[in-house]
Amino acid sequence: ALKILALIVLVALLVPYVLAPFYRTGHPVSTLMLWRQLSGAP
């Protein structure tokens, strides 16, 4: 379970580094925008 948890944390830490180069184009949104949308806030 600890190994799985460590793997999940590692993947979460690496995701931004993988995504960042793709943000040369497109219309990215912030985590706060996503949170507000998920919580029903305008």
Full PDB file with SEQRES, HELIX, SHEET, SSBOND, CRYST1, ORIGX, SCALE, CONECT and MASTER records, all heavy atoms in Angstrom:
SEQRES   1 A   42  ALA LEU LYS ILE LEU ALA LEU ILE VAL LEU VAL ALA LEU          
SEQRES   2 A   42  LEU VAL PRO TYR VAL LEU ALA PRO PHE TYR ARG THR GLY          
SEQRES   3 A   42  HIS PRO VAL SER THR LEU MET LEU TRP ARG GLN LEU SER          
SEQRES   4 A   42  GLY ALA PRO                                                  
HELIX    1 AA1 LEU A    2  LEU A   19  1                                  18    
HELIX    2 AA2 ALA A   20  ARG A   24  5                                   5    
HELIX    3 AA3 THR A   31  LEU A   38  1                                   8    
CRYST1    1.000    1.000    1.000  90.00  90.00  90.00 P 1           1          
ORIGX1      1.000000  0.000000  0.000000        0.00000                         
ORIGX2      0.000000  1.000000  0.000000        0.00000                         
ORIGX3      0.000000  0.000000  1.000000        0.00000                         
SCALE1      1.000000  0.000000  0.000000        0.00000                         
SCALE2      0.000000  1.000000  0.000000        0.00000                         
SCALE3      0.000000  0.000000  1.000000        0.00000                         
ATOM      1  N   ALA A   1       0.824  -1.201   0.000  1.00  0.00           N  
ATOM      2  CA  ALA A   1       0.000   0.000   0.000  1.00  0.00           C  
ATOM      3  C   ALA A   1       0.861   1.255   0.000  1.00  0.00           C  
ATOM      4  O   ALA A   1       0.546   2.244  -0.677  1.00  0.00           O  
ATOM      5  CB  ALA A   1      -0.927  -0.002   1.212  1.00  0.00           C  
ATOM      6  N   LEU A   2       1.968   1.226   0.747  1.00  0.00           N  
ATOM      7  CA  LEU A   2       2.870   2.368   0.780  1.00  0.00           C  
ATOM      8  C   LEU A   2       3.524   2.594  -0.581  1.00  0.00           C  
ATOM      9  O   LEU A   2       3.703   3.743  -1.010  1.00  0.00           O  
ATOM     10  CB  LEU A   2       3.945   2.151   1.848  1.00  0.00           C  
ATOM     11  CG  LEU A   2       3.485   2.278   3.306  1.00  0.00           C  
ATOM     12  CD1 LEU A   2       4.623   1.938   4.250  1.00  0.00           C  
ATOM     13  CD2 LEU A   2       2.958   3.686   3.584  1.00  0.00           C  
ATOM     14  N   LYS A   3       3.875   1.512  -1.255  1.00  0.00           N  
ATOM     15  CA  LYS A   3       4.473   1.631  -2.581  1.00  0.00           C  
ATOM     16  C   LYS A   3       3.481   2.227  -3.576  1.00  0.00           C  
ATOM     17  O   LYS A   3       3.838   3.076  -4.399  1.00  0.00           O  
ATOM     18  CB  LYS A   3       4.947   0.261  -3.064  1.00  0.00           C  
ATOM     19  CG  LYS A   3       6.172  -0.267  -2.338  1.00  0.00           C  
ATOM     20  CD  LYS A   3       6.609  -1.595  -2.913  1.00  0.00           C  
ATOM     21  CE  LYS A   3       7.868  -2.120  -2.212  1.00  0.00           C  
ATOM     22  NZ  LYS A   3       8.297  -3.427  -2.753  1.00  0.00           N  
ATOM     23  N   ILE A   4       2.246   1.784  -3.483  1.00  0.00           N  
ATOM     24  CA  ILE A   4       1.210   2.322  -4.377  1.00  0.00           C  
ATOM     25  C   ILE A   4       0.987   3.798  -4.100  1.00  0.00           C  
ATOM     26  O   ILE A   4       0.881   4.619  -5.023  1.00  0.00           O  
ATOM     27  CB  ILE A   4      -0.102   1.529  -4.215  1.00  0.00           C  
ATOM     28  CG1 ILE A   4       0.085   0.093  -4.714  1.00  0.00           C  
ATOM     29  CG2 ILE A   4      -1.241   2.219  -4.972  1.00  0.00           C  
ATOM     30  CD1 ILE A   4      -1.104  -0.799  -4.474  1.00  0.00           C  
ATOM     31  N   LEU A   5       0.947   4.143  -2.806  1.00  0.00           N  
ATOM     32  CA  LEU A   5       0.768   5.545  -2.426  1.00  0.00           C  
ATOM     33  C   LEU A   5       1.924   6.397  -2.921  1.00  0.00           C  
ATOM     34  O   LEU A   5       1.731   7.502  -3.443  1.00  0.00           O  
ATOM     35  CB  LEU A   5       0.641   5.653  -0.908  1.00  0.00           C  
ATOM     36  CG  LEU A   5       0.462   7.077  -0.350  1.00  0.00           C  
ATOM     37  CD1 LEU A   5      -0.799   7.721  -0.910  1.00  0.00           C  
ATOM     38  CD2 LEU A   5       0.428   7.045   1.176  1.00  0.00           C  
ATOM     39  N   ALA A   6       3.143   5.870  -2.775  1.00  0.00           N  
ATOM     40  CA  ALA A   6       4.323   6.599  -3.239  1.00  0.00           C  
ATOM     41  C   ALA A   6       4.282   6.801  -4.751  1.00  0.00           C  
ATOM     42  O   ALA A   6       4.654   7.863  -5.264  1.00  0.00           O  
ATOM     43  CB  ALA A   6       5.593   5.858  -2.835  1.00  0.00           C  
ATOM     44  N   LEU A   7       3.808   5.780  -5.465  1.00  0.00           N  
ATOM     45  CA  LEU A   7       3.707   5.873  -6.929  1.00  0.00           C  
ATOM     46  C   LEU A   7       2.674   6.930  -7.321  1.00  0.00           C  
ATOM     47  O   LEU A   7       2.914   7.721  -8.252  1.00  0.00           O  
ATOM     48  CB  LEU A   7       3.321   4.518  -7.507  1.00  0.00           C  
ATOM     49  CG  LEU A   7       3.195   4.451  -9.045  1.00  0.00           C  
ATOM     50  CD1 LEU A   7       4.521   4.822  -9.700  1.00  0.00           C  
ATOM     51  CD2 LEU A   7       2.737   3.071  -9.477  1.00  0.00           C  
ATOM     52  N   ILE A   8       1.558   6.957  -6.612  1.00  0.00           N  
ATOM     53  CA  ILE A   8       0.517   7.947  -6.899  1.00  0.00           C  
ATOM     54  C   ILE A   8       1.054   9.358  -6.672  1.00  0.00           C  
ATOM     55  O   ILE A   8       0.827  10.268  -7.484  1.00  0.00           O  
ATOM     56  CB  ILE A   8      -0.721   7.685  -6.021  1.00  0.00           C  
ATOM     57  CG1 ILE A   8      -1.402   6.381  -6.440  1.00  0.00           C  
ATOM     58  CG2 ILE A   8      -1.707   8.855  -6.118  1.00  0.00           C  
ATOM     59  CD1 ILE A   8      -2.529   5.964  -5.523  1.00  0.00           C  
ATOM     60  N   VAL A   9       1.770   9.564  -5.563  1.00  0.00           N  
ATOM     61  CA  VAL A   9       2.346  10.870  -5.260  1.00  0.00           C  
ATOM     62  C   VAL A   9       3.350  11.278  -6.324  1.00  0.00           C  
ATOM     63  O   VAL A   9       3.368  12.427  -6.785  1.00  0.00           O  
ATOM     64  CB  VAL A   9       3.005  10.862  -3.863  1.00  0.00           C  
ATOM     65  CG1 VAL A   9       3.801  12.143  -3.638  1.00  0.00           C  
ATOM     66  CG2 VAL A   9       1.951  10.682  -2.775  1.00  0.00           C  
ATOM     67  N   LEU A  10       4.188  10.332  -6.751  1.00  0.00           N  
ATOM     68  CA  LEU A  10       5.197  10.614  -7.775  1.00  0.00           C  
ATOM     69  C   LEU A  10       4.540  11.024  -9.088  1.00  0.00           C  
ATOM     70  O   LEU A  10       4.962  12.002  -9.730  1.00  0.00           O  
ATOM     71  CB  LEU A  10       6.079   9.392  -7.986  1.00  0.00           C  
ATOM     72  CG  LEU A  10       7.180   9.527  -9.057  1.00  0.00           C  
ATOM     73  CD1 LEU A  10       8.146  10.651  -8.689  1.00  0.00           C  
ATOM     74  CD2 LEU A  10       7.925   8.210  -9.227  1.00  0.00           C  
ATOM     75  N   VAL A  11       3.509  10.305  -9.481  1.00  0.00           N  
ATOM     76  CA  VAL A  11       2.798  10.641 -10.722  1.00  0.00           C  
ATOM     77  C   VAL A  11       2.181  12.028 -10.619  1.00  0.00           C  
ATOM     78  O   VAL A  11       2.264  12.838 -11.549  1.00  0.00           O  
ATOM     79  CB  VAL A  11       1.717   9.582 -11.025  1.00  0.00           C  
ATOM     80  CG1 VAL A  11       0.813  10.053 -12.171  1.00  0.00           C  
ATOM     81  CG2 VAL A  11       2.363   8.253 -11.394  1.00  0.00           C  
ATOM     82  N   ALA A  12       1.576  12.321  -9.459  1.00  0.00           N  
ATOM     83  CA  ALA A  12       0.954  13.635  -9.259  1.00  0.00           C  
ATOM     84  C   ALA A  12       1.979  14.756  -9.355  1.00  0.00           C  
ATOM     85  O   ALA A  12       1.694  15.837  -9.890  1.00  0.00           O  
ATOM     86  CB  ALA A  12       0.253  13.670  -7.903  1.00  0.00           C  
ATOM     87  N   LEU A  13       3.187  14.510  -8.839  1.00  0.00           N  
ATOM     88  CA  LEU A  13       4.240  15.517  -8.893  1.00  0.00           C  
ATOM     89  C   LEU A  13       4.769  15.720 -10.305  1.00  0.00           C  
ATOM     90  O   LEU A  13       5.192  16.818 -10.675  1.00  0.00           O  
ATOM     91  CB  LEU A  13       5.385  15.126  -7.957  1.00  0.00           C  
ATOM     92  CG  LEU A  13       5.091  15.171  -6.454  1.00  0.00           C  
ATOM     93  CD1 LEU A  13       6.272  14.617  -5.662  1.00  0.00           C  
ATOM     94  CD2 LEU A  13       4.780  16.597  -6.005  1.00  0.00           C  
ATOM     95  N   LEU A  14       4.744  14.658 -11.109  1.00  0.00           N  
ATOM     96  CA  LEU A  14       5.294  14.730 -12.463  1.00  0.00           C  
ATOM     97  C   LEU A  14       4.313  15.282 -13.487  1.00  0.00           C  
ATOM     98  O   LEU A  14       4.738  15.814 -14.520  1.00  0.00           O  
ATOM     99  CB  LEU A  14       5.765  13.338 -12.907  1.00  0.00           C  
ATOM    100  CG  LEU A  14       7.011  12.783 -12.203  1.00  0.00           C  
ATOM    101  CD1 LEU A  14       7.309  11.373 -12.699  1.00  0.00           C  
ATOM    102  CD2 LEU A  14       8.211  13.692 -12.432  1.00  0.00           C  
ATOM    103  N   VAL A  15       3.020  15.166 -13.209  1.00  0.00           N  
ATOM    104  CA  VAL A  15       2.007  15.588 -14.182  1.00  0.00           C  
ATOM    105  C   VAL A  15       2.206  17.031 -14.647  1.00  0.00           C  
ATOM    106  O   VAL A  15       2.162  17.309 -15.856  1.00  0.00           O  
ATOM    107  CB  VAL A  15       0.586  15.374 -13.612  1.00  0.00           C  
ATOM    108  CG1 VAL A  15      -0.448  16.171 -14.413  1.00  0.00           C  
ATOM    109  CG2 VAL A  15       0.226  13.898 -13.654  1.00  0.00           C  
ATOM    110  N   PRO A  16       2.436  18.009 -13.752  1.00  0.00           N  
ATOM    111  CA  PRO A  16       2.628  19.388 -14.220  1.00  0.00           C  
ATOM    112  C   PRO A  16       3.811  19.535 -15.183  1.00  0.00           C  
ATOM    113  O   PRO A  16       3.736  20.335 -16.126  1.00  0.00           O  
ATOM    114  CB  PRO A  16       2.874  20.170 -12.926  1.00  0.00           C  
ATOM    115  CG  PRO A  16       2.199  19.367 -11.866  1.00  0.00           C  
ATOM    116  CD  PRO A  16       2.419  17.945 -12.276  1.00  0.00           C  
ATOM    117  N   TYR A  17       4.867  18.780 -14.944  1.00  0.00           N  
ATOM    118  CA  TYR A  17       6.043  18.871 -15.816  1.00  0.00           C  
ATOM    119  C   TYR A  17       5.759  18.296 -17.198  1.00  0.00           C  
ATOM    120  O   TYR A  17       6.320  18.747 -18.193  1.00  0.00           O  
ATOM    121  CB  TYR A  17       7.224  18.157 -15.158  1.00  0.00           C  
ATOM    122  CG  TYR A  17       7.709  18.853 -13.914  1.00  0.00           C  
ATOM    123  CD1 TYR A  17       7.159  18.548 -12.671  1.00  0.00           C  
ATOM    124  CD2 TYR A  17       8.687  19.833 -13.980  1.00  0.00           C  
ATOM    125  CE1 TYR A  17       7.579  19.208 -11.520  1.00  0.00           C  
ATOM    126  CE2 TYR A  17       9.121  20.492 -12.845  1.00  0.00           C  
ATOM    127  CZ  TYR A  17       8.552  20.175 -11.618  1.00  0.00           C  
ATOM    128  OH  TYR A  17       8.959  20.844 -10.485  1.00  0.00           O  
ATOM    129  N   VAL A  18       4.882  17.309 -17.255  1.00  0.00           N  
ATOM    130  CA  VAL A  18       4.492  16.725 -18.539  1.00  0.00           C  
ATOM    131  C   VAL A  18       3.549  17.671 -19.282  1.00  0.00           C  
ATOM    132  O   VAL A  18       3.651  17.855 -20.500  1.00  0.00           O  
ATOM    133  CB  VAL A  18       3.822  15.350 -18.329  1.00  0.00           C  
ATOM    134  CG1 VAL A  18       3.284  14.802 -19.652  1.00  0.00           C  
ATOM    135  CG2 VAL A  18       4.813  14.360 -17.712  1.00  0.00           C  
ATOM    136  N   LEU A  19       2.632  18.293 -18.544  1.00  0.00           N  
ATOM    137  CA  LEU A  19       1.616  19.141 -19.169  1.00  0.00           C  
ATOM    138  C   LEU A  19       2.154  20.494 -19.618  1.00  0.00           C  
ATOM    139  O   LEU A  19       1.698  21.034 -20.631  1.00  0.00           O  
ATOM    140  CB  LEU A  19       0.456  19.359 -18.203  1.00  0.00           C  
ATOM    141  CG  LEU A  19      -0.449  18.166 -17.908  1.00  0.00           C  
ATOM    142  CD1 LEU A  19      -1.527  18.559 -16.911  1.00  0.00           C  
ATOM    143  CD2 LEU A  19      -1.071  17.620 -19.184  1.00  0.00           C  
ATOM    144  N   ALA A  20       3.093  21.062 -18.879  1.00  0.00           N  
ATOM    145  CA  ALA A  20       3.536  22.438 -19.140  1.00  0.00           C  
ATOM    146  C   ALA A  20       3.919  22.702 -20.595  1.00  0.00           C  
ATOM    147  O   ALA A  20       3.505  23.724 -21.162  1.00  0.00           O  
ATOM    148  CB  ALA A  20       4.687  22.803 -18.196  1.00  0.00           C  
ATOM    149  N   PRO A  21       4.702  21.835 -21.261  1.00  0.00           N  
ATOM    150  CA  PRO A  21       5.061  22.129 -22.656  1.00  0.00           C  
ATOM    151  C   PRO A  21       3.863  22.204 -23.591  1.00  0.00           C  
ATOM    152  O   PRO A  21       3.912  22.881 -24.615  1.00  0.00           O  
ATOM    153  CB  PRO A  21       5.978  20.952 -23.028  1.00  0.00           C  
ATOM    154  CG  PRO A  21       6.511  20.454 -21.730  1.00  0.00           C  
ATOM    155  CD  PRO A  21       5.403  20.637 -20.754  1.00  0.00           C  
ATOM    156  N   PHE A  22       2.769  21.515 -23.242  1.00  0.00           N  
ATOM    157  CA  PHE A  22       1.586  21.525 -24.090  1.00  0.00           C  
ATOM    158  C   PHE A  22       0.792  22.823 -23.964  1.00  0.00           C  
ATOM    159  O   PHE A  22      -0.107  23.082 -24.763  1.00  0.00           O  
ATOM    160  CB  PHE A  22       0.682  20.331 -23.746  1.00  0.00           C  
ATOM    161  CG  PHE A  22       1.272  18.999 -24.110  1.00  0.00           C  
ATOM    162  CD1 PHE A  22       1.929  18.235 -23.155  1.00  0.00           C  
ATOM    163  CD2 PHE A  22       1.201  18.520 -25.412  1.00  0.00           C  
ATOM    164  CE1 PHE A  22       2.482  17.010 -23.492  1.00  0.00           C  
ATOM    165  CE2 PHE A  22       1.754  17.296 -25.754  1.00  0.00           C  
ATOM    166  CZ  PHE A  22       2.393  16.540 -24.799  1.00  0.00           C  
ATOM    167  N   TYR A  23       1.135  23.643 -22.968  1.00  0.00           N  
ATOM    168  CA  TYR A  23       0.417  24.892 -22.770  1.00  0.00           C  
ATOM    169  C   TYR A  23       0.961  26.012 -23.642  1.00  0.00           C  
ATOM    170  O   TYR A  23       0.614  27.191 -23.438  1.00  0.00           O  
ATOM    171  CB  TYR A  23       0.469  25.295 -21.294  1.00  0.00           C  
ATOM    172  CG  TYR A  23      -0.461  24.479 -20.416  1.00  0.00           C  
ATOM    173  CD1 TYR A  23      -0.296  24.430 -19.050  1.00  0.00           C  
ATOM    174  CD2 TYR A  23      -1.504  23.747 -20.972  1.00  0.00           C  
ATOM    175  CE1 TYR A  23      -1.147  23.687 -18.240  1.00  0.00           C  
ATOM    176  CE2 TYR A  23      -2.355  22.993 -20.189  1.00  0.00           C  
ATOM    177  CZ  TYR A  23      -2.172  22.969 -18.830  1.00  0.00           C  
ATOM    178  OH  TYR A  23      -3.024  22.238 -18.045  1.00  0.00           O  
ATOM    179  N   ARG A  24       1.773  25.665 -24.617  1.00  0.00           N  
ATOM    180  CA  ARG A  24       2.173  26.660 -25.619  1.00  0.00           C  
ATOM    181  C   ARG A  24       0.966  27.126 -26.423  1.00  0.00           C  
ATOM    182  O   ARG A  24       0.973  28.212 -27.007  1.00  0.00           O  
ATOM    183  CB  ARG A  24       3.226  26.087 -26.568  1.00  0.00           C  
ATOM    184  CG  ARG A  24       4.622  26.027 -25.975  1.00  0.00           C  
ATOM    185  CD  ARG A  24       5.614  25.412 -26.952  1.00  0.00           C  
ATOM    186  NE  ARG A  24       6.980  25.578 -26.486  1.00  0.00           N  
ATOM    187  CZ  ARG A  24       7.777  26.581 -26.818  1.00  0.00           C  
ATOM    188  NH1 ARG A  24       7.333  27.510 -27.658  1.00  0.00           N  
ATOM    189  NH2 ARG A  24       9.001  26.668 -26.357  1.00  0.00           N  
ATOM    190  N   THR A  25      -0.059  26.295 -26.492  1.00  0.00           N  
ATOM    191  CA  THR A  25      -1.294  26.635 -27.189  1.00  0.00           C  
ATOM    192  C   THR A  25      -2.477  26.305 -26.284  1.00  0.00           C  
ATOM    193  O   THR A  25      -2.321  25.700 -25.224  1.00  0.00           O  
ATOM    194  CB  THR A  25      -1.431  25.851 -28.509  1.00  0.00           C  
ATOM    195  OG1 THR A  25      -1.440  24.444 -28.208  1.00  0.00           O  
ATOM    196  CG2 THR A  25      -0.286  26.154 -29.453  1.00  0.00           C  
ATOM    197  N   GLY A  26      -3.653  26.685 -26.726  1.00  0.00           N  
ATOM    198  CA  GLY A  26      -4.853  26.357 -25.977  1.00  0.00           C  
ATOM    199  C   GLY A  26      -5.215  27.410 -24.954  1.00  0.00           C  
ATOM    200  O   GLY A  26      -4.542  28.444 -24.822  1.00  0.00           O  
ATOM    201  N   HIS A  27      -6.277  27.132 -24.214  1.00  0.00           N  
ATOM    202  CA  HIS A  27      -6.818  28.066 -23.234  1.00  0.00           C  
ATOM    203  C   HIS A  27      -6.893  27.377 -21.874  1.00  0.00           C  
ATOM    204  O   HIS A  27      -7.976  26.985 -21.430  1.00  0.00           O  
ATOM    205  CB  HIS A  27      -8.205  28.550 -23.659  1.00  0.00           C  
ATOM    206  CG  HIS A  27      -8.244  29.262 -24.972  1.00  0.00           C  
ATOM    207  ND1 HIS A  27      -9.407  29.500 -25.671  1.00  0.00           N  
ATOM    208  CD2 HIS A  27      -7.237  29.790 -25.722  1.00  0.00           C  
ATOM    209  CE1 HIS A  27      -9.128  30.147 -26.788  1.00  0.00           C  
ATOM    210  NE2 HIS A  27      -7.818  30.339 -26.844  1.00  0.00           N  
ATOM    211  N   PRO A  28      -5.767  27.222 -21.192  1.00  0.00           N  
ATOM    212  CA  PRO A  28      -5.766  26.512 -19.907  1.00  0.00           C  
ATOM    213  C   PRO A  28      -6.572  27.233 -18.839  1.00  0.00           C  
ATOM    214  O   PRO A  28      -6.778  28.450 -18.907  1.00  0.00           O  
ATOM    215  CB  PRO A  28      -4.279  26.461 -19.533  1.00  0.00           C  
ATOM    216  CG  PRO A  28      -3.658  27.594 -20.284  1.00  0.00           C  
ATOM    217  CD  PRO A  28      -4.423  27.712 -21.558  1.00  0.00           C  
ATOM    218  N   VAL A  29      -7.054  26.460 -17.867  1.00  0.00           N  
ATOM    219  CA  VAL A  29      -7.797  27.015 -16.739  1.00  0.00           C  
ATOM    220  C   VAL A  29      -7.020  26.747 -15.460  1.00  0.00           C  
ATOM    221  O   VAL A  29      -6.158  25.868 -15.410  1.00  0.00           O  
ATOM    222  CB  VAL A  29      -9.216  26.409 -16.637  1.00  0.00           C  
ATOM    223  CG1 VAL A  29     -10.022  26.737 -17.877  1.00  0.00           C  
ATOM    224  CG2 VAL A  29      -9.148  24.903 -16.416  1.00  0.00           C  
ATOM    225  N   SER A  30      -7.327  27.501 -14.424  1.00  0.00           N  
ATOM    226  CA  SER A  30      -6.629  27.359 -13.149  1.00  0.00           C  
ATOM    227  C   SER A  30      -7.307  26.319 -12.275  1.00  0.00           C  
ATOM    228  O   SER A  30      -8.473  25.956 -12.488  1.00  0.00           O  
ATOM    229  CB  SER A  30      -6.592  28.700 -12.411  1.00  0.00           C  
ATOM    230  OG  SER A  30      -7.897  29.060 -11.968  1.00  0.00           O  
ATOM    231  N   THR A  31      -6.577  25.849 -11.269  1.00  0.00           N  
ATOM    232  CA  THR A  31      -7.162  24.909 -10.321  1.00  0.00           C  
ATOM    233  C   THR A  31      -8.304  25.557  -9.542  1.00  0.00           C  
ATOM    234  O   THR A  31      -9.285  24.882  -9.199  1.00  0.00           O  
ATOM    235  CB  THR A  31      -6.099  24.384  -9.345  1.00  0.00           C  
ATOM    236  OG1 THR A  31      -5.440  25.504  -8.704  1.00  0.00           O  
ATOM    237  CG2 THR A  31      -5.070  23.538 -10.063  1.00  0.00           C  
ATOM    238  N   LEU A  32      -8.213  26.861  -9.278  1.00  0.00           N  
ATOM    239  CA  LEU A  32      -9.284  27.548  -8.572  1.00  0.00           C  
ATOM    240  C   LEU A  32     -10.541  27.617  -9.428  1.00  0.00           C  
ATOM    241  O   LEU A  32     -11.658  27.442  -8.925  1.00  0.00           O  
ATOM    242  CB  LEU A  32      -8.843  28.962  -8.178  1.00  0.00           C  
ATOM    243  CG  LEU A  32      -9.869  29.804  -7.411  1.00  0.00           C  
ATOM    244  CD1 LEU A  32     -10.330  29.083  -6.145  1.00  0.00           C  
ATOM    245  CD2 LEU A  32      -9.293  31.180  -7.074  1.00  0.00           C  
ATOM    246  N   MET A  33     -10.380  27.847 -10.718  1.00  0.00           N  
ATOM    247  CA  MET A  33     -11.527  27.841 -11.622  1.00  0.00           C  
ATOM    248  C   MET A  33     -12.197  26.472 -11.631  1.00  0.00           C  
ATOM    249  O   MET A  33     -13.430  26.364 -11.572  1.00  0.00           O  
ATOM    250  CB  MET A  33     -11.084  28.242 -13.035  1.00  0.00           C  
ATOM    251  CG  MET A  33     -10.628  29.686 -13.165  1.00  0.00           C  
ATOM    252  SD  MET A  33      -9.759  30.024 -14.730  1.00  0.00           S  
ATOM    253  CE  MET A  33     -11.101  29.830 -15.899  1.00  0.00           C  
ATOM    254  N   LEU A  34     -11.381  25.431 -11.719  1.00  0.00           N  
ATOM    255  CA  LEU A  34     -11.924  24.070 -11.708  1.00  0.00           C  
ATOM    256  C   LEU A  34     -12.649  23.775 -10.401  1.00  0.00           C  
ATOM    257  O   LEU A  34     -13.736  23.176 -10.400  1.00  0.00           O  
ATOM    258  CB  LEU A  34     -10.793  23.053 -11.934  1.00  0.00           C  
ATOM    259  CG  LEU A  34     -10.182  23.015 -13.329  1.00  0.00           C  
ATOM    260  CD1 LEU A  34      -8.974  22.080 -13.331  1.00  0.00           C  
ATOM    261  CD2 LEU A  34     -11.208  22.540 -14.357  1.00  0.00           C  
ATOM    262  N   TRP A  35     -12.055  24.184  -9.289  1.00  0.00           N  
ATOM    263  CA  TRP A  35     -12.676  23.933  -7.984  1.00  0.00           C  
ATOM    264  C   TRP A  35     -14.015  24.647  -7.871  1.00  0.00           C  
ATOM    265  O   TRP A  35     -14.993  24.080  -7.371  1.00  0.00           O  
ATOM    266  CB  TRP A  35     -11.739  24.369  -6.872  1.00  0.00           C  
ATOM    267  CG  TRP A  35     -12.372  24.270  -5.511  1.00  0.00           C  
ATOM    268  CD1 TRP A  35     -12.780  25.286  -4.707  1.00  0.00           C  
ATOM    269  CD2 TRP A  35     -12.686  23.054  -4.814  1.00  0.00           C  
ATOM    270  NE1 TRP A  35     -13.317  24.803  -3.542  1.00  0.00           N  
ATOM    271  CE2 TRP A  35     -13.285  23.429  -3.585  1.00  0.00           C  
ATOM    272  CE3 TRP A  35     -12.516  21.698  -5.102  1.00  0.00           C  
ATOM    273  CZ2 TRP A  35     -13.715  22.489  -2.650  1.00  0.00           C  
ATOM    274  CZ3 TRP A  35     -12.953  20.761  -4.170  1.00  0.00           C  
ATOM    275  CH2 TRP A  35     -13.539  21.164  -2.970  1.00  0.00           C  
ATOM    276  N   ARG A  36     -14.071  25.875  -8.332  1.00  0.00           N  
ATOM    277  CA  ARG A  36     -15.326  26.623  -8.278  1.00  0.00           C  
ATOM    278  C   ARG A  36     -16.390  25.958  -9.148  1.00  0.00           C  
ATOM    279  O   ARG A  36     -17.562  25.867  -8.759  1.00  0.00           O  
ATOM    280  CB  ARG A  36     -15.110  28.078  -8.713  1.00  0.00           C  
ATOM    281  CG  ARG A  36     -14.354  28.931  -7.694  1.00  0.00           C  
ATOM    282  CD  ARG A  36     -14.216  30.371  -8.182  1.00  0.00           C  
ATOM    283  NE  ARG A  36     -15.501  31.027  -8.315  1.00  0.00           N  
ATOM    284  CZ  ARG A  36     -16.090  31.724  -7.348  1.00  0.00           C  
ATOM    285  NH1 ARG A  36     -15.488  31.860  -6.172  1.00  0.00           N  
ATOM    286  NH2 ARG A  36     -17.249  32.304  -7.548  1.00  0.00           N  
ATOM    287  N   GLN A  37     -15.992  25.489 -10.317  1.00  0.00           N  
ATOM    288  CA  GLN A  37     -16.944  24.820 -11.187  1.00  0.00           C  
ATOM    289  C   GLN A  37     -17.468  23.532 -10.558  1.00  0.00           C  
ATOM    290  O   GLN A  37     -18.669  23.246 -10.602  1.00  0.00           O  
ATOM    291  CB  GLN A  37     -16.293  24.523 -12.542  1.00  0.00           C  
ATOM    292  CG  GLN A  37     -16.066  25.769 -13.394  1.00  0.00           C  
ATOM    293  CD  GLN A  37     -15.263  25.488 -14.646  1.00  0.00           C  
ATOM    294  OE1 GLN A  37     -14.495  24.534 -14.718  1.00  0.00           O  
ATOM    295  NE2 GLN A  37     -15.435  26.326 -15.660  1.00  0.00           N  
ATOM    296  N   LEU A  38     -16.568  22.772  -9.936  1.00  0.00           N  
ATOM    297  CA  LEU A  38     -16.968  21.513  -9.300  1.00  0.00           C  
ATOM    298  C   LEU A  38     -17.875  21.759  -8.100  1.00  0.00           C  
ATOM    299  O   LEU A  38     -18.754  20.937  -7.792  1.00  0.00           O  
ATOM    300  CB  LEU A  38     -15.731  20.728  -8.863  1.00  0.00           C  
ATOM    301  CG  LEU A  38     -14.891  20.113  -9.992  1.00  0.00           C  
ATOM    302  CD1 LEU A  38     -13.604  19.511  -9.434  1.00  0.00           C  
ATOM    303  CD2 LEU A  38     -15.689  19.041 -10.729  1.00  0.00           C  
ATOM    304  N   SER A  39     -17.667  22.879  -7.414  1.00  0.00           N  
ATOM    305  CA  SER A  39     -18.464  23.184  -6.233  1.00  0.00           C  
ATOM    306  C   SER A  39     -19.737  23.962  -6.558  1.00  0.00           C  
ATOM    307  O   SER A  39     -20.509  24.311  -5.665  1.00  0.00           O  
ATOM    308  CB  SER A  39     -17.632  23.969  -5.217  1.00  0.00           C  
ATOM    309  OG  SER A  39     -17.227  25.221  -5.763  1.00  0.00           O  
ATOM    310  N   GLY A  40     -19.941  24.255  -7.835  1.00  0.00           N  
ATOM    311  CA  GLY A  40     -21.150  24.961  -8.247  1.00  0.00           C  
ATOM    312  C   GLY A  40     -21.075  26.473  -8.148  1.00  0.00           C  
ATOM    313  O   GLY A  40     -22.074  27.160  -8.367  1.00  0.00           O  
ATOM    314  N   ALA A  41     -19.897  27.020  -7.824  1.00  0.00           N  
ATOM    315  CA  ALA A  41     -19.739  28.469  -7.733  1.00  0.00           C  
ATOM    316  C   ALA A  41     -19.603  29.058  -9.139  1.00  0.00           C  
ATOM    317  O   ALA A  41     -19.116  28.390 -10.053  1.00  0.00           O  
ATOM    318  CB  ALA A  41     -18.508  28.817  -6.894  1.00  0.00           C  
ATOM    319  N   PRO A  42     -20.013  30.301  -9.334  1.00  0.00           N  
ATOM    320  CA  PRO A  42     -19.948  30.902 -10.673  1.00  0.00           C  
ATOM    321  C   PRO A  42     -18.515  31.133 -11.136  1.00  0.00           C  
ATOM    322  O   PRO A  42     -17.634  31.466 -10.340  1.00  0.00           O  
ATOM    323  CB  PRO A  42     -20.688  32.234 -10.505  1.00  0.00           C  
ATOM    324  CG  PRO A  42     -20.572  32.550  -9.047  1.00  0.00           C  
ATOM    325  CD  PRO A  42     -20.610  31.231  -8.341  1.00  0.00           C  
TER     326      PRO A  42                                                      
MASTER        0    0    0    3    0    0    0    6  325    1    0    4          
END                                                                             
